Amino acid sequence: MEIWHIWTAIALLLVFIEIITVGFAALCLSIGAVCAATASCFTESLIWQISVFAIFTFISFIFVRPFMLKVFTRKGNIPKSGIEALIDRIAIVEEDIIPYSNSGRVIIDGDSWKAVADNEETIRKGDKVKVISINSIILTVKKI
């Protein structure tokens, strides 16, 4: 077995590791291994091959990894889930929201939630409100 076979096997193993992990670190190492396999076709010196591996791995960590992270990392428009999905939703008051008694309930999608008004006003049953924040399991709402 020639040395370039070993470098190629290492590169393929690193690509497989990259597929099952995230972060693009194994991909950078794989690029270095491919470059070392190419270098092994021109020289038999293991020191030169390892040097090529190290240099191209370093270069790929500087240029390839940040580019890949930028392209493949989701930034905005991540869908909200759980209780965070209730913010900005419209609800119907099920039980009067009275400021100083901390009583009141609203219904969103058939679920009943304890609610308080944001501006200390009384909101009557049947009114529509918008959820503006959540504190534990208590929704803060304002009348719309």
N, C-alpha and C. Protein backbone atom coordinates (compact mmCIF):
# COMPACT_ATOMS: atom_id res chain seq x y z
N MET A 1 0.85 -1.18 0.00
CA MET A 1 0.00 0.00 0.00
C MET A 1 0.89 1.24 0.00
N GLU A 2 0.60 2.13 -0.88
CA GLU A 2 1.39 3.34 -0.98
C GLU A 2 0.89 4.39 0.01
N ILE A 3 1.75 5.35 0.29
CA ILE A 3 1.44 6.36 1.31
C ILE A 3 0.24 7.22 0.92
N TRP A 4 0.05 7.48 -0.38
CA TRP A 4 -1.08 8.32 -0.78
C TRP A 4 -2.40 7.60 -0.52
N HIS A 5 -2.38 6.26 -0.49
CA HIS A 5 -3.59 5.51 -0.13
C HIS A 5 -3.96 5.78 1.33
N ILE A 6 -2.94 5.83 2.17
CA ILE A 6 -3.18 6.08 3.60
C ILE A 6 -3.73 7.49 3.81
N TRP A 7 -3.11 8.49 3.14
CA TRP A 7 -3.61 9.86 3.26
C TRP A 7 -5.05 9.96 2.74
N THR A 8 -5.36 9.28 1.65
CA THR A 8 -6.72 9.31 1.10
C THR A 8 -7.70 8.64 2.05
N ALA A 9 -7.31 7.53 2.67
CA ALA A 9 -8.18 6.86 3.64
C ALA A 9 -8.44 7.76 4.85
N ILE A 10 -7.40 8.46 5.28
CA ILE A 10 -7.56 9.41 6.40
C ILE A 10 -8.54 10.52 6.00
N ALA A 11 -8.39 11.04 4.79
CA ALA A 11 -9.29 12.10 4.31
C ALA A 11 -10.73 11.61 4.26
N LEU A 12 -10.95 10.40 3.75
CA LEU A 12 -12.32 9.86 3.69
C LEU A 12 -12.90 9.63 5.07
N LEU A 13 -12.08 9.14 5.99
CA LEU A 13 -12.53 8.94 7.36
C LEU A 13 -12.93 10.28 7.99
N LEU A 14 -12.14 11.31 7.74
CA LEU A 14 -12.46 12.63 8.28
C LEU A 14 -13.73 13.22 7.66
N VAL A 15 -13.95 12.96 6.38
CA VAL A 15 -15.21 13.41 5.75
C VAL A 15 -16.39 12.70 6.40
N PHE A 16 -16.25 11.41 6.66
CA PHE A 16 -17.33 10.68 7.35
C PHE A 16 -17.57 11.25 8.74
N ILE A 17 -16.50 11.54 9.46
CA ILE A 17 -16.65 12.14 10.80
C ILE A 17 -17.35 13.49 10.69
N GLU A 18 -17.02 14.27 9.66
CA GLU A 18 -17.67 15.57 9.48
C GLU A 18 -19.17 15.42 9.22
N ILE A 19 -19.54 14.37 8.52
CA ILE A 19 -20.95 14.14 8.23
C ILE A 19 -21.74 13.90 9.51
N ILE A 20 -21.17 13.21 10.47
CA ILE A 20 -21.91 12.88 11.70
C ILE A 20 -21.70 13.91 12.81
N THR A 21 -20.83 14.89 12.58
CA THR A 21 -20.63 15.95 13.57
C THR A 21 -20.92 17.30 12.92
N VAL A 22 -20.78 18.35 13.69
CA VAL A 22 -20.95 19.70 13.15
C VAL A 22 -19.73 20.53 13.49
N GLY A 23 -19.54 21.62 12.78
CA GLY A 23 -18.46 22.54 13.10
C GLY A 23 -17.41 22.68 12.03
N PHE A 24 -17.36 21.77 11.09
CA PHE A 24 -16.45 21.84 9.95
C PHE A 24 -14.98 21.71 10.32
N ALA A 25 -14.66 21.22 11.51
CA ALA A 25 -13.26 21.01 11.89
C ALA A 25 -12.69 19.79 11.18
N ALA A 26 -13.44 18.69 11.15
CA ALA A 26 -12.95 17.49 10.48
C ALA A 26 -12.80 17.72 8.98
N LEU A 27 -13.63 18.58 8.42
CA LEU A 27 -13.51 18.91 7.00
C LEU A 27 -12.18 19.61 6.71
N CYS A 28 -11.77 20.50 7.59
CA CYS A 28 -10.49 21.19 7.42
C CYS A 28 -9.33 20.21 7.51
N LEU A 29 -9.42 19.26 8.43
CA LEU A 29 -8.38 18.24 8.52
C LEU A 29 -8.38 17.36 7.27
N SER A 30 -9.56 17.10 6.74
CA SER A 30 -9.67 16.29 5.52
C SER A 30 -9.03 17.00 4.33
N ILE A 31 -9.20 18.31 4.24
CA ILE A 31 -8.56 19.08 3.17
C ILE A 31 -7.03 18.97 3.28
N GLY A 32 -6.53 19.05 4.50
CA GLY A 32 -5.10 18.88 4.71
C GLY A 32 -4.62 17.50 4.31
N ALA A 33 -5.43 16.46 4.59
CA ALA A 33 -5.05 15.10 4.22
C ALA A 33 -5.05 14.90 2.71
N VAL A 34 -6.00 15.52 2.02
CA VAL A 34 -6.02 15.43 0.55
C VAL A 34 -4.78 16.12 -0.03
N CYS A 35 -4.42 17.26 0.51
CA CYS A 35 -3.22 17.96 0.03
C CYS A 35 -1.96 17.15 0.34
N ALA A 36 -1.92 16.48 1.48
CA ALA A 36 -0.77 15.63 1.81
C ALA A 36 -0.71 14.43 0.88
N ALA A 37 -1.87 13.87 0.51
CA ALA A 37 -1.90 12.76 -0.45
C ALA A 37 -1.35 13.21 -1.80
N THR A 38 -1.71 14.41 -2.20
CA THR A 38 -1.19 14.97 -3.46
C THR A 38 0.32 15.18 -3.35
N ALA A 39 0.77 15.68 -2.22
CA ALA A 39 2.21 15.90 -2.03
C ALA A 39 2.97 14.58 -2.03
N SER A 40 2.35 13.52 -1.55
CA SER A 40 3.03 12.21 -1.52
C SER A 40 3.27 11.67 -2.91
N CYS A 41 2.54 12.16 -3.90
CA CYS A 41 2.78 11.76 -5.29
C CYS A 41 4.05 12.39 -5.84
N PHE A 42 4.50 13.49 -5.24
CA PHE A 42 5.68 14.20 -5.72
C PHE A 42 6.93 13.98 -4.88
N THR A 43 6.75 13.60 -3.63
CA THR A 43 7.90 13.38 -2.75
C THR A 43 7.61 12.21 -1.82
N GLU A 44 8.67 11.51 -1.45
CA GLU A 44 8.53 10.40 -0.51
C GLU A 44 8.84 10.83 0.91
N SER A 45 9.26 12.05 1.09
CA SER A 45 9.63 12.55 2.41
C SER A 45 8.38 12.74 3.27
N LEU A 46 8.32 12.00 4.36
CA LEU A 46 7.18 12.09 5.27
C LEU A 46 7.13 13.46 5.95
N ILE A 47 8.28 14.05 6.16
CA ILE A 47 8.33 15.38 6.79
C ILE A 47 7.65 16.41 5.88
N TRP A 48 7.91 16.36 4.57
CA TRP A 48 7.25 17.27 3.64
C TRP A 48 5.75 17.01 3.61
N GLN A 49 5.33 15.77 3.63
CA GLN A 49 3.90 15.44 3.59
C GLN A 49 3.18 15.95 4.84
N ILE A 50 3.81 15.75 5.98
CA ILE A 50 3.20 16.24 7.24
C ILE A 50 3.18 17.77 7.24
N SER A 51 4.24 18.39 6.70
CA SER A 51 4.27 19.85 6.62
C SER A 51 3.14 20.37 5.72
N VAL A 52 2.96 19.73 4.57
CA VAL A 52 1.87 20.12 3.67
C VAL A 52 0.53 19.92 4.36
N PHE A 53 0.37 18.80 5.07
CA PHE A 53 -0.86 18.54 5.82
C PHE A 53 -1.11 19.67 6.82
N ALA A 54 -0.11 20.03 7.60
CA ALA A 54 -0.27 21.06 8.63
C ALA A 54 -0.57 22.43 8.02
N ILE A 55 0.15 22.78 6.96
CA ILE A 55 -0.04 24.10 6.34
C ILE A 55 -1.44 24.23 5.74
N PHE A 56 -1.87 23.22 4.98
CA PHE A 56 -3.18 23.33 4.34
C PHE A 56 -4.33 23.17 5.34
N THR A 57 -4.10 22.42 6.40
CA THR A 57 -5.12 22.36 7.46
C THR A 57 -5.26 23.73 8.12
N PHE A 58 -4.14 24.36 8.41
CA PHE A 58 -4.15 25.70 9.02
C PHE A 58 -4.85 26.70 8.10
N ILE A 59 -4.51 26.67 6.83
CA ILE A 59 -5.12 27.59 5.86
C ILE A 59 -6.62 27.35 5.76
N SER A 60 -7.03 26.09 5.76
CA SER A 60 -8.47 25.81 5.66
C SER A 60 -9.21 26.22 6.94
N PHE A 61 -8.54 26.13 8.10
CA PHE A 61 -9.16 26.62 9.33
C PHE A 61 -9.35 28.13 9.28
N ILE A 62 -8.45 28.82 8.62
CA ILE A 62 -8.54 30.29 8.54
C ILE A 62 -9.57 30.74 7.50
N PHE A 63 -9.62 30.06 6.33
CA PHE A 63 -10.48 30.54 5.25
C PHE A 63 -11.73 29.70 5.02
N VAL A 64 -11.61 28.40 5.01
CA VAL A 64 -12.74 27.53 4.65
C VAL A 64 -13.76 27.44 5.79
N ARG A 65 -13.29 27.18 7.01
CA ARG A 65 -14.21 26.98 8.14
C ARG A 65 -15.09 28.20 8.40
N PRO A 66 -14.55 29.43 8.48
CA PRO A 66 -15.44 30.59 8.70
C PRO A 66 -16.46 30.76 7.57
N PHE A 67 -16.02 30.51 6.34
CA PHE A 67 -16.95 30.61 5.21
C PHE A 67 -18.07 29.59 5.33
N MET A 68 -17.72 28.34 5.65
CA MET A 68 -18.73 27.28 5.78
C MET A 68 -19.68 27.56 6.95
N LEU A 69 -19.14 28.04 8.05
CA LEU A 69 -20.00 28.38 9.19
C LEU A 69 -20.97 29.50 8.83
N LYS A 70 -20.49 30.48 8.09
CA LYS A 70 -21.35 31.60 7.69
C LYS A 70 -22.45 31.13 6.75
N VAL A 71 -22.11 30.28 5.81
CA VAL A 71 -23.08 29.83 4.81
C VAL A 71 -24.10 28.87 5.40
N PHE A 72 -23.65 27.95 6.25
CA PHE A 72 -24.53 26.89 6.71
C PHE A 72 -25.12 27.09 8.10
N THR A 73 -24.90 28.23 8.72
CA THR A 73 -25.48 28.51 10.02
C THR A 73 -26.71 29.39 9.83
N ARG A 74 -27.84 28.92 10.39
CA ARG A 74 -29.07 29.71 10.29
C ARG A 74 -29.02 30.86 11.27
N LYS A 75 -29.39 32.02 10.79
CA LYS A 75 -29.39 33.17 11.68
C LYS A 75 -30.80 33.65 11.96
N GLY A 76 -31.49 34.32 11.24
CA GLY A 76 -32.81 34.81 11.57
C GLY A 76 -33.89 33.82 11.18
N ASN A 77 -35.09 34.19 11.39
CA ASN A 77 -36.27 33.42 11.02
C ASN A 77 -36.29 32.00 11.57
N ILE A 78 -35.73 31.82 12.75
CA ILE A 78 -35.82 30.52 13.39
C ILE A 78 -37.19 30.43 14.03
N PRO A 79 -37.97 29.41 13.67
CA PRO A 79 -39.32 29.33 14.22
C PRO A 79 -39.30 29.19 15.74
N LYS A 80 -40.18 29.91 16.38
CA LYS A 80 -40.31 29.81 17.83
C LYS A 80 -41.13 28.59 18.16
N SER A 81 -40.83 27.98 19.29
CA SER A 81 -41.59 26.81 19.71
C SER A 81 -41.87 26.92 21.20
N GLY A 82 -42.77 26.08 21.65
CA GLY A 82 -43.11 26.07 23.07
C GLY A 82 -43.81 27.35 23.49
N ILE A 83 -43.51 27.76 24.69
CA ILE A 83 -44.17 28.93 25.26
C ILE A 83 -43.75 30.22 24.55
N GLU A 84 -42.54 30.24 23.96
CA GLU A 84 -42.08 31.43 23.23
C GLU A 84 -42.96 31.73 22.02
N ALA A 85 -43.61 30.71 21.49
CA ALA A 85 -44.46 30.89 20.31
C ALA A 85 -45.73 31.67 20.64
N LEU A 86 -46.02 31.85 21.92
CA LEU A 86 -47.24 32.58 22.30
C LEU A 86 -47.08 34.10 22.19
N ILE A 87 -45.85 34.59 22.22
CA ILE A 87 -45.64 36.04 22.16
C ILE A 87 -46.12 36.56 20.80
N ASP A 88 -46.84 37.67 20.85
CA ASP A 88 -47.46 38.35 19.69
C ASP A 88 -48.70 37.62 19.17
N ARG A 89 -49.18 36.62 19.87
CA ARG A 89 -50.40 35.93 19.46
C ARG A 89 -51.62 36.67 20.01
N ILE A 90 -52.75 36.48 19.36
CA ILE A 90 -54.01 37.08 19.80
C ILE A 90 -54.76 36.05 20.63
N ALA A 91 -55.32 36.51 21.75
CA ALA A 91 -56.06 35.64 22.65
C ALA A 91 -57.42 36.27 22.96
N ILE A 92 -58.34 35.45 23.44
CA ILE A 92 -59.66 35.92 23.87
C ILE A 92 -59.73 35.81 25.39
N VAL A 93 -60.18 36.88 26.02
CA VAL A 93 -60.28 36.88 27.48
C VAL A 93 -61.42 35.94 27.90
N GLU A 94 -61.10 34.97 28.75
CA GLU A 94 -62.06 33.98 29.23
C GLU A 94 -62.65 34.41 30.58
N GLU A 95 -61.83 35.08 31.37
CA GLU A 95 -62.24 35.54 32.69
C GLU A 95 -61.67 36.94 32.85
N ASP A 96 -62.47 37.88 33.35
CA ASP A 96 -62.03 39.28 33.45
C ASP A 96 -60.62 39.38 34.05
N ILE A 97 -59.80 40.23 33.43
CA ILE A 97 -58.45 40.47 33.94
C ILE A 97 -58.52 41.72 34.81
N ILE A 98 -58.37 41.51 36.11
CA ILE A 98 -58.49 42.60 37.09
C ILE A 98 -57.09 42.85 37.66
N PRO A 99 -56.60 44.08 37.54
CA PRO A 99 -55.19 44.35 37.85
C PRO A 99 -54.74 44.01 39.26
N TYR A 100 -55.45 44.45 40.28
CA TYR A 100 -54.91 44.34 41.63
C TYR A 100 -55.25 43.02 42.31
N SER A 101 -56.07 42.21 41.70
CA SER A 101 -56.38 40.90 42.29
C SER A 101 -55.61 39.78 41.61
N ASN A 102 -54.82 40.14 40.61
CA ASN A 102 -54.04 39.14 39.86
C ASN A 102 -54.91 37.98 39.37
N SER A 103 -56.11 38.32 38.94
CA SER A 103 -56.98 37.29 38.39
C SER A 103 -57.22 37.59 36.93
N GLY A 104 -57.50 36.57 36.20
CA GLY A 104 -57.80 36.72 34.80
C GLY A 104 -57.22 35.56 34.00
N ARG A 105 -57.97 35.16 32.97
CA ARG A 105 -57.53 34.06 32.12
C ARG A 105 -57.85 34.39 30.67
N VAL A 106 -56.99 33.87 29.78
CA VAL A 106 -57.21 34.03 28.35
C VAL A 106 -57.13 32.66 27.70
N ILE A 107 -57.71 32.57 26.50
CA ILE A 107 -57.67 31.31 25.74
C ILE A 107 -56.89 31.54 24.45
N ILE A 108 -55.91 30.66 24.21
CA ILE A 108 -55.17 30.64 22.95
C ILE A 108 -55.18 29.20 22.45
N ASP A 109 -55.70 29.00 21.27
CA ASP A 109 -55.76 27.67 20.65
C ASP A 109 -56.41 26.63 21.57
N GLY A 110 -57.40 27.05 22.32
CA GLY A 110 -58.13 26.12 23.18
C GLY A 110 -57.49 25.91 24.53
N ASP A 111 -56.32 26.48 24.77
CA ASP A 111 -55.65 26.35 26.07
C ASP A 111 -55.91 27.59 26.90
N SER A 112 -56.18 27.38 28.18
CA SER A 112 -56.45 28.48 29.09
C SER A 112 -55.15 28.85 29.82
N TRP A 113 -54.86 30.17 29.86
CA TRP A 113 -53.65 30.68 30.50
C TRP A 113 -54.01 31.78 31.48
N LYS A 114 -53.30 31.82 32.61
CA LYS A 114 -53.45 32.93 33.54
C LYS A 114 -52.83 34.15 32.88
N ALA A 115 -53.48 35.31 33.04
CA ALA A 115 -53.01 36.51 32.36
C ALA A 115 -53.14 37.73 33.26
N VAL A 116 -52.23 38.69 33.01
CA VAL A 116 -52.29 39.99 33.68
C VAL A 116 -52.18 41.06 32.59
N ALA A 117 -52.75 42.23 32.88
CA ALA A 117 -52.70 43.34 31.92
C ALA A 117 -51.38 44.09 32.08
N ASP A 118 -50.88 44.62 30.98
CA ASP A 118 -49.59 45.32 31.01
C ASP A 118 -49.71 46.73 31.60
N ASN A 119 -50.89 47.35 31.52
CA ASN A 119 -51.01 48.75 31.95
C ASN A 119 -52.02 48.93 33.08
N GLU A 120 -52.22 47.89 33.86
CA GLU A 120 -53.08 47.96 35.04
C GLU A 120 -54.51 48.36 34.72
N GLU A 121 -55.02 47.98 33.56
CA GLU A 121 -56.42 48.25 33.24
C GLU A 121 -57.21 46.95 33.34
N THR A 122 -58.49 47.10 33.58
CA THR A 122 -59.36 45.93 33.63
C THR A 122 -59.79 45.59 32.20
N ILE A 123 -59.67 44.33 31.86
CA ILE A 123 -60.06 43.86 30.53
C ILE A 123 -61.19 42.85 30.72
N ARG A 124 -62.28 43.08 30.01
CA ARG A 124 -63.50 42.29 30.20
C ARG A 124 -63.49 40.99 29.40
N LYS A 125 -64.30 40.06 29.86
CA LYS A 125 -64.47 38.77 29.19
C LYS A 125 -64.95 39.00 27.75
N GLY A 126 -64.35 38.27 26.80
CA GLY A 126 -64.72 38.37 25.40
C GLY A 126 -63.85 39.32 24.60
N ASP A 127 -63.10 40.19 25.28
CA ASP A 127 -62.22 41.12 24.56
C ASP A 127 -61.03 40.37 23.96
N LYS A 128 -60.50 40.95 22.88
CA LYS A 128 -59.31 40.37 22.28
C LYS A 128 -58.08 41.08 22.84
N VAL A 129 -57.06 40.30 23.12
CA VAL A 129 -55.81 40.83 23.66
C VAL A 129 -54.63 40.24 22.89
N LYS A 130 -53.50 40.92 23.00
CA LYS A 130 -52.27 40.45 22.36
C LYS A 130 -51.27 40.12 23.46
N VAL A 131 -50.61 38.97 23.36
CA VAL A 131 -49.61 38.57 24.33
C VAL A 131 -48.34 39.35 24.05
N ILE A 132 -47.83 40.06 25.08
CA ILE A 132 -46.62 40.85 24.86
C ILE A 132 -45.40 40.27 25.58
N SER A 133 -45.62 39.50 26.64
CA SER A 133 -44.49 38.85 27.32
C SER A 133 -45.01 37.69 28.16
N ILE A 134 -44.06 36.91 28.65
CA ILE A 134 -44.40 35.74 29.46
C ILE A 134 -43.48 35.73 30.67
N ASN A 135 -44.05 35.55 31.84
CA ASN A 135 -43.29 35.40 33.07
C ASN A 135 -43.70 34.07 33.69
N SER A 136 -42.85 33.08 33.57
CA SER A 136 -43.14 31.72 34.04
C SER A 136 -44.31 31.18 33.23
N ILE A 137 -45.49 31.05 33.87
CA ILE A 137 -46.67 30.58 33.13
C ILE A 137 -47.77 31.64 33.09
N ILE A 138 -47.41 32.87 33.39
CA ILE A 138 -48.37 33.97 33.38
C ILE A 138 -48.10 34.86 32.18
N LEU A 139 -49.12 35.06 31.37
CA LEU A 139 -49.00 35.89 30.18
C LEU A 139 -49.30 37.35 30.52
N THR A 140 -48.50 38.26 30.01
CA THR A 140 -48.78 39.68 30.10
C THR A 140 -49.39 40.09 28.78
N VAL A 141 -50.58 40.70 28.85
CA VAL A 141 -51.34 41.00 27.63
C VAL A 141 -51.71 42.46 27.58
N LYS A 142 -52.03 42.93 26.36
CA LYS A 142 -52.58 44.28 26.24
C LYS A 142 -53.79 44.19 25.33
N LYS A 143 -54.75 45.04 25.61
CA LYS A 143 -55.99 45.05 24.85
C LYS A 143 -55.75 45.61 23.47
N ILE A 144 -56.39 44.97 22.48
CA ILE A 144 -56.27 45.48 21.10
C ILE A 144 -57.61 45.97 20.60
